[in-house]
Amino acid sequence: MRCVDGATDVKFTTEKRSLSVGEELLCTAKGNPIPDITLGSADVAKETRSGEGWRSLVVQSDWVGRTLTVECIATNNVDGQEFSRSNSITFNVTGEPFAPAVYLDWFLPLGICFQD
């Protein structure tokens, strides 16, 4: 038995309406086979990163002060029939740089020894 289904559950991982420079906007989708995802916007030219069932873009500094709409389109092909679903998000871009949490424990030595 082979289980297939068209592209579904297209969503962004944030519902924030204000994003900062450096913040990543991630879109995911489900389906079998795994859908191809496109992030589209008439507002910006952008570089994206992607993997199986996801695609993302990083908020750029030249977008500061703008209100942007990005559409996520998930497409797959099941037995010769193309399925496509989409979702969009509109957000403002702020100039404050995004500061991801940084954990440095593995950089810190447990002890320092000096030879006399």
PDB file of N, CA and C in Angstrom:
ATOM      1  N   MET A   1       0.845  -1.178   0.000  1.00  0.00           N
ATOM      2  CA  MET A   1       0.000   0.000   0.000  1.00  0.00           C
ATOM      3  C   MET A   1       0.889   1.240   0.000  1.00  0.00           C
ATOM      4  N   ARG A   2       0.540   2.214  -0.820  1.00  0.00           N
ATOM      5  CA  ARG A   2       1.303   3.462  -0.931  1.00  0.00           C
ATOM      6  C   ARG A   2       0.404   4.598  -0.471  1.00  0.00           C
ATOM      7  N   CYS A   3       0.893   5.371   0.470  1.00  0.00           N
ATOM      8  CA  CYS A   3       0.111   6.508   0.981  1.00  0.00           C
ATOM      9  C   CYS A   3       0.680   7.804   0.420  1.00  0.00           C
ATOM     10  N   VAL A   4      -0.179   8.595  -0.176  1.00  0.00           N
ATOM     11  CA  VAL A   4       0.232   9.883  -0.722  1.00  0.00           C
ATOM     12  C   VAL A   4      -0.805  10.917  -0.332  1.00  0.00           C
ATOM     13  N   ASP A   5      -0.374  12.161  -0.267  1.00  0.00           N
ATOM     14  CA  ASP A   5      -1.340  13.247  -0.111  1.00  0.00           C
ATOM     15  C   ASP A   5      -0.742  14.538  -0.622  1.00  0.00           C
ATOM     16  N   GLY A   6      -1.615  15.402  -1.091  1.00  0.00           N
ATOM     17  CA  GLY A   6      -1.179  16.678  -1.643  1.00  0.00           C
ATOM     18  C   GLY A   6      -0.604  17.587  -0.571  1.00  0.00           C
ATOM     19  N   ALA A   7       0.041  18.646  -1.003  1.00  0.00           N
ATOM     20  CA  ALA A   7       0.645  19.619  -0.090  1.00  0.00           C
ATOM     21  C   ALA A   7      -0.420  20.165   0.866  1.00  0.00           C
ATOM     22  N   THR A   8      -0.109  20.148   2.161  1.00  0.00           N
ATOM     23  CA  THR A   8      -1.039  20.633   3.176  1.00  0.00           C
ATOM     24  C   THR A   8      -0.291  21.362   4.278  1.00  0.00           C
ATOM     25  N   ASP A   9      -1.042  21.944   5.169  1.00  0.00           N
ATOM     26  CA  ASP A   9      -0.521  22.540   6.400  1.00  0.00           C
ATOM     27  C   ASP A   9       0.646  23.502   6.139  1.00  0.00           C
ATOM     28  N   VAL A  10       0.432  24.426   5.221  1.00  0.00           N
ATOM     29  CA  VAL A  10       1.459  25.415   4.877  1.00  0.00           C
ATOM     30  C   VAL A  10       1.417  26.507   5.935  1.00  0.00           C
ATOM     31  N   LYS A  11       2.529  26.688   6.652  1.00  0.00           N
ATOM     32  CA  LYS A  11       2.511  27.689   7.721  1.00  0.00           C
ATOM     33  C   LYS A  11       3.877  28.301   7.962  1.00  0.00           C
ATOM     34  N   PHE A  12       3.837  29.498   8.517  1.00  0.00           N
ATOM     35  CA  PHE A  12       5.042  30.181   8.966  1.00  0.00           C
ATOM     36  C   PHE A  12       5.225  29.844  10.440  1.00  0.00           C
ATOM     37  N   THR A  13       6.478  29.772  10.887  1.00  0.00           N
ATOM     38  CA  THR A  13       6.735  29.398  12.267  1.00  0.00           C
ATOM     39  C   THR A  13       6.614  30.569  13.229  1.00  0.00           C
ATOM     40  N   THR A  14       6.249  31.726  12.741  1.00  0.00           N
ATOM     41  CA  THR A  14       6.014  32.881  13.600  1.00  0.00           C
ATOM     42  C   THR A  14       4.703  33.538  13.198  1.00  0.00           C
ATOM     43  N   GLU A  15       4.086  34.176  14.161  1.00  0.00           N
ATOM     44  CA  GLU A  15       2.909  34.982  13.870  1.00  0.00           C
ATOM     45  C   GLU A  15       3.195  36.451  14.172  1.00  0.00           C
ATOM     46  N   LYS A  16       4.462  36.742  14.456  1.00  0.00           N
ATOM     47  CA  LYS A  16       4.858  38.111  14.780  1.00  0.00           C
ATOM     48  C   LYS A  16       4.592  39.029  13.596  1.00  0.00           C
ATOM     49  N   ARG A  17       4.211  40.231  13.878  1.00  0.00           N
ATOM     50  CA  ARG A  17       3.949  41.214  12.822  1.00  0.00           C
ATOM     51  C   ARG A  17       5.054  42.247  12.725  1.00  0.00           C
ATOM     52  N   SER A  18       6.134  42.019  13.487  1.00  0.00           N
ATOM     53  CA  SER A  18       7.300  42.890  13.428  1.00  0.00           C
ATOM     54  C   SER A  18       8.536  42.001  13.534  1.00  0.00           C
ATOM     55  N   LEU A  19       9.391  42.062  12.518  1.00  0.00           N
ATOM     56  CA  LEU A  19      10.610  41.263  12.509  1.00  0.00           C
ATOM     57  C   LEU A  19      11.821  42.175  12.457  1.00  0.00           C
ATOM     58  N   SER A  20      12.911  41.732  13.039  1.00  0.00           N
ATOM     59  CA  SER A  20      14.142  42.517  13.104  1.00  0.00           C
ATOM     60  C   SER A  20      15.134  42.041  12.056  1.00  0.00           C
ATOM     61  N   VAL A  21      16.077  42.917  11.730  1.00  0.00           N
ATOM     62  CA  VAL A  21      17.153  42.577  10.805  1.00  0.00           C
ATOM     63  C   VAL A  21      17.890  41.351  11.354  1.00  0.00           C
ATOM     64  N   GLY A  22      18.114  40.368  10.504  1.00  0.00           N
ATOM     65  CA  GLY A  22      18.822  39.153  10.892  1.00  0.00           C
ATOM     66  C   GLY A  22      17.906  38.031  11.340  1.00  0.00           C
ATOM     67  N   GLU A  23      16.643  38.339  11.597  1.00  0.00           N
ATOM     68  CA  GLU A  23      15.702  37.307  12.020  1.00  0.00           C
ATOM     69  C   GLU A  23      15.327  36.437  10.822  1.00  0.00           C
ATOM     70  N   GLU A  24      15.121  35.145  11.075  1.00  0.00           N
ATOM     71  CA  GLU A  24      14.799  34.208  10.006  1.00  0.00           C
ATOM     72  C   GLU A  24      13.294  33.958   9.962  1.00  0.00           C
ATOM     73  N   LEU A  25      12.734  34.041   8.767  1.00  0.00           N
ATOM     74  CA  LEU A  25      11.326  33.754   8.531  1.00  0.00           C
ATOM     75  C   LEU A  25      11.259  32.372   7.887  1.00  0.00           C
ATOM     76  N   LEU A  26      10.619  31.418   8.581  1.00  0.00           N
ATOM     77  CA  LEU A  26      10.612  30.031   8.158  1.00  0.00           C
ATOM     78  C   LEU A  26       9.203  29.583   7.794  1.00  0.00           C
ATOM     79  N   CYS A  27       9.069  28.915   6.653  1.00  0.00           N
ATOM     80  CA  CYS A  27       7.795  28.351   6.216  1.00  0.00           C
ATOM     81  C   CYS A  27       7.955  26.846   6.086  1.00  0.00           C
ATOM     82  N   THR A  28       6.940  26.100   6.558  1.00  0.00           N
ATOM     83  CA  THR A  28       6.954  24.646   6.463  1.00  0.00           C
ATOM     84  C   THR A  28       5.679  24.159   5.796  1.00  0.00           C
ATOM     85  N   ALA A  29       5.727  22.947   5.276  1.00  0.00           N
ATOM     86  CA  ALA A  29       4.539  22.317   4.683  1.00  0.00           C
ATOM     87  C   ALA A  29       4.670  20.811   4.799  1.00  0.00           C
ATOM     88  N   LYS A  30       3.519  20.145   4.777  1.00  0.00           N
ATOM     89  CA  LYS A  30       3.495  18.687   4.836  1.00  0.00           C
ATOM     90  C   LYS A  30       2.937  18.140   3.534  1.00  0.00           C
ATOM     91  N   GLY A  31       3.226  16.895   3.263  1.00  0.00           N
ATOM     92  CA  GLY A  31       2.700  16.215   2.089  1.00  0.00           C
ATOM     93  C   GLY A  31       3.531  14.989   1.794  1.00  0.00           C
ATOM     94  N   ASN A  32       2.993  14.097   1.000  1.00  0.00           N
ATOM     95  CA  ASN A  32       3.715  12.907   0.590  1.00  0.00           C
ATOM     96  C   ASN A  32       3.427  12.689  -0.896  1.00  0.00           C
ATOM     97  N   PRO A  33       4.397  12.947  -1.767  1.00  0.00           N
ATOM     98  CA  PRO A  33       5.791  13.264  -1.478  1.00  0.00           C
ATOM     99  C   PRO A  33       5.964  14.649  -0.846  1.00  0.00           C
ATOM    100  N   ILE A  34       7.129  14.859  -0.219  1.00  0.00           N
ATOM    101  CA  ILE A  34       7.418  16.133   0.448  1.00  0.00           C
ATOM    102  C   ILE A  34       7.317  17.264  -0.566  1.00  0.00           C
ATOM    103  N   PRO A  35       6.563  18.331  -0.228  1.00  0.00           N
ATOM    104  CA  PRO A  35       6.370  19.428  -1.182  1.00  0.00           C
ATOM    105  C   PRO A  35       7.624  20.272  -1.414  1.00  0.00           C
ATOM    106  N   ASP A  36       7.713  20.834  -2.613  1.00  0.00           N
ATOM    107  CA  ASP A  36       8.695  21.879  -2.897  1.00  0.00           C
ATOM    108  C   ASP A  36       8.093  23.178  -2.391  1.00  0.00           C
ATOM    109  N   ILE A  37       8.912  24.023  -1.791  1.00  0.00           N
ATOM    110  CA  ILE A  37       8.405  25.273  -1.221  1.00  0.00           C
ATOM    111  C   ILE A  37       9.088  26.458  -1.878  1.00  0.00           C
ATOM    112  N   THR A  38       8.284  27.442  -2.230  1.00  0.00           N
ATOM    113  CA  THR A  38       8.769  28.691  -2.797  1.00  0.00           C
ATOM    114  C   THR A  38       8.321  29.831  -1.888  1.00  0.00           C
ATOM    115  N   LEU A  39       9.221  30.753  -1.600  1.00  0.00           N
ATOM    116  CA  LEU A  39       8.850  31.977  -0.882  1.00  0.00           C
ATOM    117  C   LEU A  39       8.829  33.087  -1.905  1.00  0.00           C
ATOM    118  N   GLY A  40       7.679  33.714  -2.085  1.00  0.00           N
ATOM    119  CA  GLY A  40       7.533  34.748  -3.099  1.00  0.00           C
ATOM    120  C   GLY A  40       7.149  36.076  -2.499  1.00  0.00           C
ATOM    121  N   SER A  41       7.650  37.134  -3.100  1.00  0.00           N
ATOM    122  CA  SER A  41       7.301  38.483  -2.684  1.00  0.00           C
ATOM    123  C   SER A  41       7.599  39.439  -3.824  1.00  0.00           C
ATOM    124  N   ALA A  42       6.648  40.286  -4.102  1.00  0.00           N
ATOM    125  CA  ALA A  42       6.881  41.316  -5.106  1.00  0.00           C
ATOM    126  C   ALA A  42       7.721  42.437  -4.509  1.00  0.00           C
ATOM    127  N   ASP A  43       7.858  42.434  -3.183  1.00  0.00           N
ATOM    128  CA  ASP A  43       8.501  43.541  -2.480  1.00  0.00           C
ATOM    129  C   ASP A  43      10.019  43.469  -2.427  1.00  0.00           C
ATOM    130  N   VAL A  44      10.567  42.270  -2.420  1.00  0.00           N
ATOM    131  CA  VAL A  44      12.004  42.144  -2.172  1.00  0.00           C
ATOM    132  C   VAL A  44      12.636  41.059  -3.027  1.00  0.00           C
ATOM    133  N   ALA A  45      13.903  41.266  -3.342  1.00  0.00           N
ATOM    134  CA  ALA A  45      14.709  40.204  -3.922  1.00  0.00           C
ATOM    135  C   ALA A  45      15.411  39.564  -2.735  1.00  0.00           C
ATOM    136  N   LYS A  46      15.490  38.252  -2.701  1.00  0.00           N
ATOM    137  CA  LYS A  46      16.026  37.629  -1.512  1.00  0.00           C
ATOM    138  C   LYS A  46      16.736  36.318  -1.812  1.00  0.00           C
ATOM    139  N   GLU A  47      17.615  35.966  -0.899  1.00  0.00           N
ATOM    140  CA  GLU A  47      18.266  34.667  -0.902  1.00  0.00           C
ATOM    141  C   GLU A  47      17.505  33.805   0.094  1.00  0.00           C
ATOM    142  N   THR A  48      17.286  32.547  -0.238  1.00  0.00           N
ATOM    143  CA  THR A  48      16.584  31.666   0.679  1.00  0.00           C
ATOM    144  C   THR A  48      17.427  30.442   0.984  1.00  0.00           C
ATOM    145  N   ARG A  49      17.107  29.796   2.106  1.00  0.00           N
ATOM    146  CA  ARG A  49      17.689  28.507   2.469  1.00  0.00           C
ATOM    147  C   ARG A  49      16.546  27.504   2.469  1.00  0.00           C
ATOM    148  N   SER A  50      16.848  26.224   2.225  1.00  0.00           N
ATOM    149  CA  SER A  50      15.761  25.256   2.200  1.00  0.00           C
ATOM    150  C   SER A  50      16.235  23.869   2.604  1.00  0.00           C
ATOM    151  N   GLY A  51      15.251  23.039   2.937  1.00  0.00           N
ATOM    152  CA  GLY A  51      15.474  21.635   3.262  1.00  0.00           C
ATOM    153  C   GLY A  51      14.209  20.882   2.913  1.00  0.00           C
ATOM    154  N   GLU A  52      14.085  19.657   3.376  1.00  0.00           N
ATOM    155  CA  GLU A  52      12.904  18.864   3.068  1.00  0.00           C
ATOM    156  C   GLU A  52      11.690  19.420   3.797  1.00  0.00           C
ATOM    157  N   GLY A  53      10.772  20.004   3.061  1.00  0.00           N
ATOM    158  CA  GLY A  53       9.537  20.506   3.638  1.00  0.00           C
ATOM    159  C   GLY A  53       9.624  21.865   4.298  1.00  0.00           C
ATOM    160  N   TRP A  54      10.705  22.610   4.048  1.00  0.00           N
ATOM    161  CA  TRP A  54      10.812  23.956   4.597  1.00  0.00           C
ATOM    162  C   TRP A  54      11.649  24.856   3.691  1.00  0.00           C
ATOM    163  N   ARG A  55      11.443  26.165   3.842  1.00  0.00           N
ATOM    164  CA  ARG A  55      12.259  27.181   3.170  1.00  0.00           C
ATOM    165  C   ARG A  55      12.243  28.418   4.055  1.00  0.00           C
ATOM    166  N   SER A  56      13.350  29.132   4.105  1.00  0.00           N
ATOM    167  CA  SER A  56      13.417  30.317   4.953  1.00  0.00           C
ATOM    168  C   SER A  56      14.176  31.442   4.279  1.00  0.00           C
ATOM    169  N   LEU A  57      13.969  32.635   4.797  1.00  0.00           N
ATOM    170  CA  LEU A  57      14.754  33.790   4.372  1.00  0.00           C
ATOM    171  C   LEU A  57      15.115  34.595   5.613  1.00  0.00           C
ATOM    172  N   VAL A  58      16.197  35.343   5.507  1.00  0.00           N
ATOM    173  CA  VAL A  58      16.669  36.169   6.614  1.00  0.00           C
ATOM    174  C   VAL A  58      16.325  37.620   6.301  1.00  0.00           C
ATOM    175  N   VAL A  59      15.765  38.322   7.292  1.00  0.00           N
ATOM    176  CA  VAL A  59      15.370  39.722   7.132  1.00  0.00           C
ATOM    177  C   VAL A  59      16.622  40.567   6.902  1.00  0.00           C
ATOM    178  N   GLN A  60      16.613  41.359   5.825  1.00  0.00           N
ATOM    179  CA  GLN A  60      17.771  42.146   5.403  1.00  0.00           C
ATOM    180  C   GLN A  60      17.699  43.596   5.902  1.00  0.00           C
ATOM    181  N   SER A  61      18.845  44.223   6.065  1.00  0.00           N
ATOM    182  CA  SER A  61      18.895  45.594   6.591  1.00  0.00           C
ATOM    183  C   SER A  61      18.268  46.606   5.635  1.00  0.00           C
ATOM    184  N   ASP A  62      18.291  46.341   4.331  1.00  0.00           N
ATOM    185  CA  ASP A  62      17.693  47.304   3.398  1.00  0.00           C
ATOM    186  C   ASP A  62      16.164  47.227   3.387  1.00  0.00           C
ATOM    187  N   TRP A  63      15.570  46.347   4.193  1.00  0.00           N
ATOM    188  CA  TRP A  63      14.110  46.265   4.318  1.00  0.00           C
ATOM    189  C   TRP A  63      13.588  47.086   5.487  1.00  0.00           C
ATOM    190  N   VAL A  64      14.498  47.684   6.293  1.00  0.00           N
ATOM    191  CA  VAL A  64      14.099  48.427   7.502  1.00  0.00           C
ATOM    192  C   VAL A  64      13.106  49.530   7.148  1.00  0.00           C
ATOM    193  N   GLY A  65      12.056  49.629   7.974  1.00  0.00           N
ATOM    194  CA  GLY A  65      11.043  50.659   7.791  1.00  0.00           C
ATOM    195  C   GLY A  65       9.957  50.285   6.799  1.00  0.00           C
ATOM    196  N   ARG A  66      10.059  49.115   6.206  1.00  0.00           N
ATOM    197  CA  ARG A  66       9.068  48.696   5.208  1.00  0.00           C
ATOM    198  C   ARG A  66       8.075  47.703   5.800  1.00  0.00           C
ATOM    199  N   THR A  67       6.919  47.634   5.206  1.00  0.00           N
ATOM    200  CA  THR A  67       5.937  46.599   5.501  1.00  0.00           C
ATOM    201  C   THR A  67       5.941  45.658   4.308  1.00  0.00           C
ATOM    202  N   LEU A  68       6.225  44.378   4.568  1.00  0.00           N
ATOM    203  CA  LEU A  68       6.392  43.407   3.487  1.00  0.00           C
ATOM    204  C   LEU A  68       5.384  42.273   3.608  1.00  0.00           C
ATOM    205  N   THR A  69       5.008  41.719   2.483  1.00  0.00           N
ATOM    206  CA  THR A  69       4.168  40.531   2.444  1.00  0.00           C
ATOM    207  C   THR A  69       4.947  39.437   1.721  1.00  0.00           C
ATOM    208  N   VAL A  70       5.072  38.285   2.359  1.00  0.00           N
ATOM    209  CA  VAL A  70       5.770  37.143   1.766  1.00  0.00           C
ATOM    210  C   VAL A  70       4.782  35.991   1.668  1.00  0.00           C
ATOM    211  N   GLU A  71       4.739  35.350   0.516  1.00  0.00           N
ATOM    212  CA  GLU A  71       3.854  34.212   0.304  1.00  0.00           C
ATOM    213  C   GLU A  71       4.675  32.931   0.261  1.00  0.00           C
ATOM    214  N   CYS A  72       4.180  31.924   0.956  1.00  0.00           N
ATOM    215  CA  CYS A  72       4.789  30.604   0.956  1.00  0.00           C
ATOM    216  C   CYS A  72       3.901  29.689   0.119  1.00  0.00           C
ATOM    217  N   ILE A  73       4.485  29.096  -0.920  1.00  0.00           N
ATOM    218  CA  ILE A  73       3.727  28.225  -1.814  1.00  0.00           C
ATOM    219  C   ILE A  73       4.343  26.822  -1.760  1.00  0.00           C
ATOM    220  N   ALA A  74       3.523  25.836  -1.390  1.00  0.00           N
ATOM    221  CA  ALA A  74       3.974  24.440  -1.330  1.00  0.00           C
ATOM    222  C   ALA A  74       3.320  23.678  -2.478  1.00  0.00           C
ATOM    223  N   THR A  75       4.143  22.952  -3.235  1.00  0.00           N
ATOM    224  CA  THR A  75       3.643  22.229  -4.401  1.00  0.00           C
ATOM    225  C   THR A  75       4.221  20.816  -4.415  1.00  0.00           C
ATOM    226  N   ASN A  76       3.360  19.850  -4.697  1.00  0.00           N
ATOM    227  CA  ASN A  76       3.849  18.501  -4.964  1.00  0.00           C
ATOM    228  C   ASN A  76       2.977  17.849  -6.022  1.00  0.00           C
ATOM    229  N   ASN A  77       3.426  16.703  -6.501  1.00  0.00           N
ATOM    230  CA  ASN A  77       2.738  16.006  -7.578  1.00  0.00           C
ATOM    231  C   ASN A  77       2.375  14.607  -7.092  1.00  0.00           C
ATOM    232  N   VAL A  78       1.089  14.289  -7.107  1.00  0.00           N
ATOM    233  CA  VAL A  78       0.614  12.977  -6.670  1.00  0.00           C
ATOM    234  C   VAL A  78      -0.079  12.305  -7.852  1.00  0.00           C
ATOM    235  N   ASP A  79       0.514  11.224  -8.320  1.00  0.00           N
ATOM    236  CA  ASP A  79      -0.038  10.453  -9.446  1.00  0.00           C
ATOM    237  C   ASP A  79      -0.408  11.334 -10.636  1.00  0.00           C
ATOM    238  N   GLY A  80       0.497  12.249 -10.994  1.00  0.00           N
ATOM    239  CA  GLY A  80       0.285  13.105 -12.147  1.00  0.00           C
ATOM    240  C   GLY A  80      -0.570  14.329 -11.901  1.00  0.00           C
ATOM    241  N   GLN A  81      -1.101  14.480 -10.697  1.00  0.00           N
ATOM    242  CA  GLN A  81      -1.909  15.662 -10.374  1.00  0.00           C
ATOM    243  C   GLN A  81      -1.115  16.585  -9.466  1.00  0.00           C
ATOM    244  N   GLU A  82      -0.998  17.845  -9.874  1.00  0.00           N
ATOM    245  CA  GLU A  82      -0.255  18.817  -9.070  1.00  0.00           C
ATOM    246  C   GLU A  82      -1.156  19.413  -7.993  1.00  0.00           C
ATOM    247  N   PHE A  83      -0.629  19.426  -6.772  1.00  0.00           N
ATOM    248  CA  PHE A  83      -1.308  20.050  -5.640  1.00  0.00           C
ATOM    249  C   PHE A  83      -0.496  21.261  -5.212  1.00  0.00           C
ATOM    250  N   SER A  84      -1.170  22.352  -4.939  1.00  0.00           N
ATOM    251  CA  SER A  84      -0.496  23.572  -4.517  1.00  0.00           C
ATOM    252  C   SER A  84      -1.330  24.253  -3.437  1.00  0.00           C
ATOM    253  N   ARG A  85      -0.684  24.617  -2.348  1.00  0.00           N
ATOM    254  CA  ARG A  85      -1.328  25.355  -1.261  1.00  0.00           C
ATOM    255  C   ARG A  85      -0.420  26.519  -0.908  1.00  0.00           C
ATOM    256  N   SER A  86      -1.022  27.590  -0.400  1.00  0.00           N
ATOM    257  CA  SER A  86      -0.200  28.748  -0.041  1.00  0.00           C
ATOM    258  C   SER A  86      -0.692  29.404   1.236  1.00  0.00           C
ATOM    259  N   ASN A  87       0.166  30.219   1.794  1.00  0.00           N
ATOM    260  CA  ASN A  87      -0.128  31.020   2.973  1.00  0.00           C
ATOM    261  C   ASN A  87       0.740  32.268   2.855  1.00  0.00           C
ATOM    262  N   SER A  88       0.309  33.366   3.427  1.00  0.00           N
ATOM    263  CA  SER A  88       1.130  34.583   3.367  1.00  0.00           C
ATOM    264  C   SER A  88       1.185  35.236   4.735  1.00  0.00           C
ATOM    265  N   ILE A  89       2.203  36.048   4.914  1.00  0.00           N
ATOM    266  CA  ILE A  89       2.385  36.793   6.147  1.00  0.00           C
ATOM    267  C   ILE A  89       2.806  38.212   5.787  1.00  0.00           C
ATOM    268  N   THR A  90       2.263  39.184   6.519  1.00  0.00           N
ATOM    269  CA  THR A  90       2.651  40.589   6.345  1.00  0.00           C
ATOM    270  C   THR A  90       3.291  41.048   7.644  1.00  0.00           C
ATOM    271  N   PHE A  91       4.445  41.715   7.530  1.00  0.00           N
ATOM    272  CA  PHE A  91       5.169  42.135   8.730  1.00  0.00           C
ATOM    273  C   PHE A  91       5.917  43.439   8.473  1.00  0.00           C
ATOM    274  N   ASN A  92       6.197  44.156   9.558  1.00  0.00           N
ATOM    275  CA  ASN A  92       7.024  45.364   9.521  1.00  0.00           C
ATOM    276  C   ASN A  92       8.452  44.957   9.850  1.00  0.00           C
ATOM    277  N   VAL A  93       9.415  45.663   9.274  1.00  0.00           N
ATOM    278  CA  VAL A  93      10.824  45.376   9.552  1.00  0.00           C
ATOM    279  C   VAL A  93      11.394  46.508  10.394  1.00  0.00           C
ATOM    280  N   THR A  94      11.929  46.129  11.554  1.00  0.00           N
ATOM    281  CA  THR A  94      12.534  47.120  12.450  1.00  0.00           C
ATOM    282  C   THR A  94      14.036  47.124  12.286  1.00  0.00           C
ATOM    283  N   GLY A  95      14.652  48.214  12.694  1.00  0.00           N
ATOM    284  CA  GLY A  95      16.089  48.370  12.545  1.00  0.00           C
ATOM    285  C   GLY A  95      16.902  47.709  13.629  1.00  0.00           C
ATOM    286  N   GLU A  96      16.242  47.286  14.715  1.00  0.00           N
ATOM    287  CA  GLU A  96      17.004  46.644  15.775  1.00  0.00           C
ATOM    288  C   GLU A  96      17.477  45.287  15.295  1.00  0.00           C
ATOM    289  N   PRO A  97      18.768  45.035  15.407  1.00  0.00           N
ATOM    290  CA  PRO A  97      19.260  43.734  14.958  1.00  0.00           C
ATOM    291  C   PRO A  97      18.754  42.620  15.862  1.00  0.00           C
ATOM    292  N   PHE A  98      18.462  41.485  15.258  1.00  0.00           N
ATOM    293  CA  PHE A  98      18.011  40.317  15.990  1.00  0.00           C
ATOM    294  C   PHE A  98      19.204  39.724  16.714  1.00  0.00           C
ATOM    295  N   ALA A  99      19.041  39.417  17.994  1.00  0.00           N
ATOM    296  CA  ALA A  99      20.119  38.836  18.791  1.00  0.00           C
ATOM    297  C   ALA A  99      19.720  37.436  19.234  1.00  0.00           C
ATOM    298  N   PRO A 100      20.140  36.418  18.491  1.00  0.00           N
ATOM    299  CA  PRO A 100      19.792  35.056  18.895  1.00  0.00           C
ATOM    300  C   PRO A 100      20.487  34.687  20.192  1.00  0.00           C
ATOM    301  N   ALA A 101      19.883  33.780  20.925  1.00  0.00           N
ATOM    302  CA  ALA A 101      20.498  33.308  22.166  1.00  0.00           C
ATOM    303  C   ALA A 101      21.791  32.578  21.818  1.00  0.00           C
ATOM    304  N   VAL A 102      22.840  32.900  22.545  1.00  0.00           N
ATOM    305  CA  VAL A 102      24.131  32.255  22.312  1.00  0.00           C
ATOM    306  C   VAL A 102      24.545  31.569  23.604  1.00  0.00           C
ATOM    307  N   TYR A 103      24.831  30.306  23.503  1.00  0.00           N
ATOM    308  CA  TYR A 103      25.274  29.537  24.662  1.00  0.00           C
ATOM    309  C   TYR A 103      26.741  29.224  24.489  1.00  0.00           C
ATOM    310  N   LEU A 104      27.535  29.699  25.422  1.00  0.00           N
ATOM    311  CA  LEU A 104      28.978  29.567  25.293  1.00  0.00           C
ATOM    312  C   LEU A 104      29.574  28.534  26.235  1.00  0.00           C
ATOM    313  N   ASP A 105      28.755  27.734  26.928  1.00  0.00           N
ATOM    314  CA  ASP A 105      29.318  26.820  27.920  1.00  0.00           C
ATOM    315  C   ASP A 105      30.435  25.956  27.348  1.00  0.00           C
ATOM    316  N   TRP A 106      30.266  25.504  26.114  1.00  0.00           N
ATOM    317  CA  TRP A 106      31.275  24.605  25.578  1.00  0.00           C
ATOM    318  C   TRP A 106      32.580  25.314  25.238  1.00  0.00           C
ATOM    319  N   PHE A 107      32.585  26.657  25.245  1.00  0.00           N
ATOM    320  CA  PHE A 107      33.806  27.415  25.027  1.00  0.00           C
ATOM    321  C   PHE A 107      34.564  27.630  26.339  1.00  0.00           C
ATOM    322  N   LEU A 108      33.857  27.551  27.458  1.00  0.00           N
ATOM    323  CA  LEU A 108      34.462  27.862  28.743  1.00  0.00           C
ATOM    324  C   LEU A 108      35.144  26.631  29.320  1.00  0.00           C
ATOM    325  N   PRO A 109      36.410  26.761  29.697  1.00  0.00           N
ATOM    326  CA  PRO A 109      37.102  25.606  30.270  1.00  0.00           C
ATOM    327  C   PRO A 109      36.566  25.306  31.670  1.00  0.00           C
ATOM    328  N   LEU A 110      36.607  24.039  32.042  1.00  0.00           N
ATOM    329  CA  LEU A 110      36.170  23.655  33.386  1.00  0.00           C
ATOM    330  C   LEU A 110      37.193  24.055  34.424  1.00  0.00           C
ATOM    331  N   GLY A 111      38.426  24.131  34.057  1.00  0.00           N
ATOM    332  CA  GLY A 111      39.491  24.522  34.993  1.00  0.00           C
ATOM    333  C   GLY A 111      40.701  24.956  34.205  1.00  0.00           C
ATOM    334  N   ILE A 112      41.499  25.795  34.811  1.00  0.00           N
ATOM    335  CA  ILE A 112      42.724  26.248  34.151  1.00  0.00           C
ATOM    336  C   ILE A 112      43.877  25.874  35.044  1.00  0.00           C
ATOM    337  N   CYS A 113      44.867  25.223  34.474  1.00  0.00           N
ATOM    338  CA  CYS A 113      46.051  24.809  35.252  1.00  0.00           C
ATOM    339  C   CYS A 113      47.251  25.550  34.716  1.00  0.00           C
ATOM    340  N   PHE A 114      48.086  25.990  35.628  1.00  0.00           N
ATOM    341  CA  PHE A 114      49.332  26.664  35.265  1.00  0.00           C
ATOM    342  C   PHE A 114      50.476  25.874  35.871  1.00  0.00           C
ATOM    343  N   GLN A 115      51.553  25.714  35.132  1.00  0.00           N
ATOM    344  CA  GLN A 115      52.718  25.035  35.683  1.00  0.00           C
ATOM    345  C   GLN A 115      53.617  26.087  36.286  1.00  0.00           C
ATOM    346  N   ASP A 116      54.050  25.825  37.574  1.00  0.00           N
ATOM    347  CA  ASP A 116      54.917  26.806  38.259  1.00  0.00           C
ATOM    348  C   ASP A 116      56.305  26.780  37.728  1.00  0.00           C
TER     349      ASP A 116
END
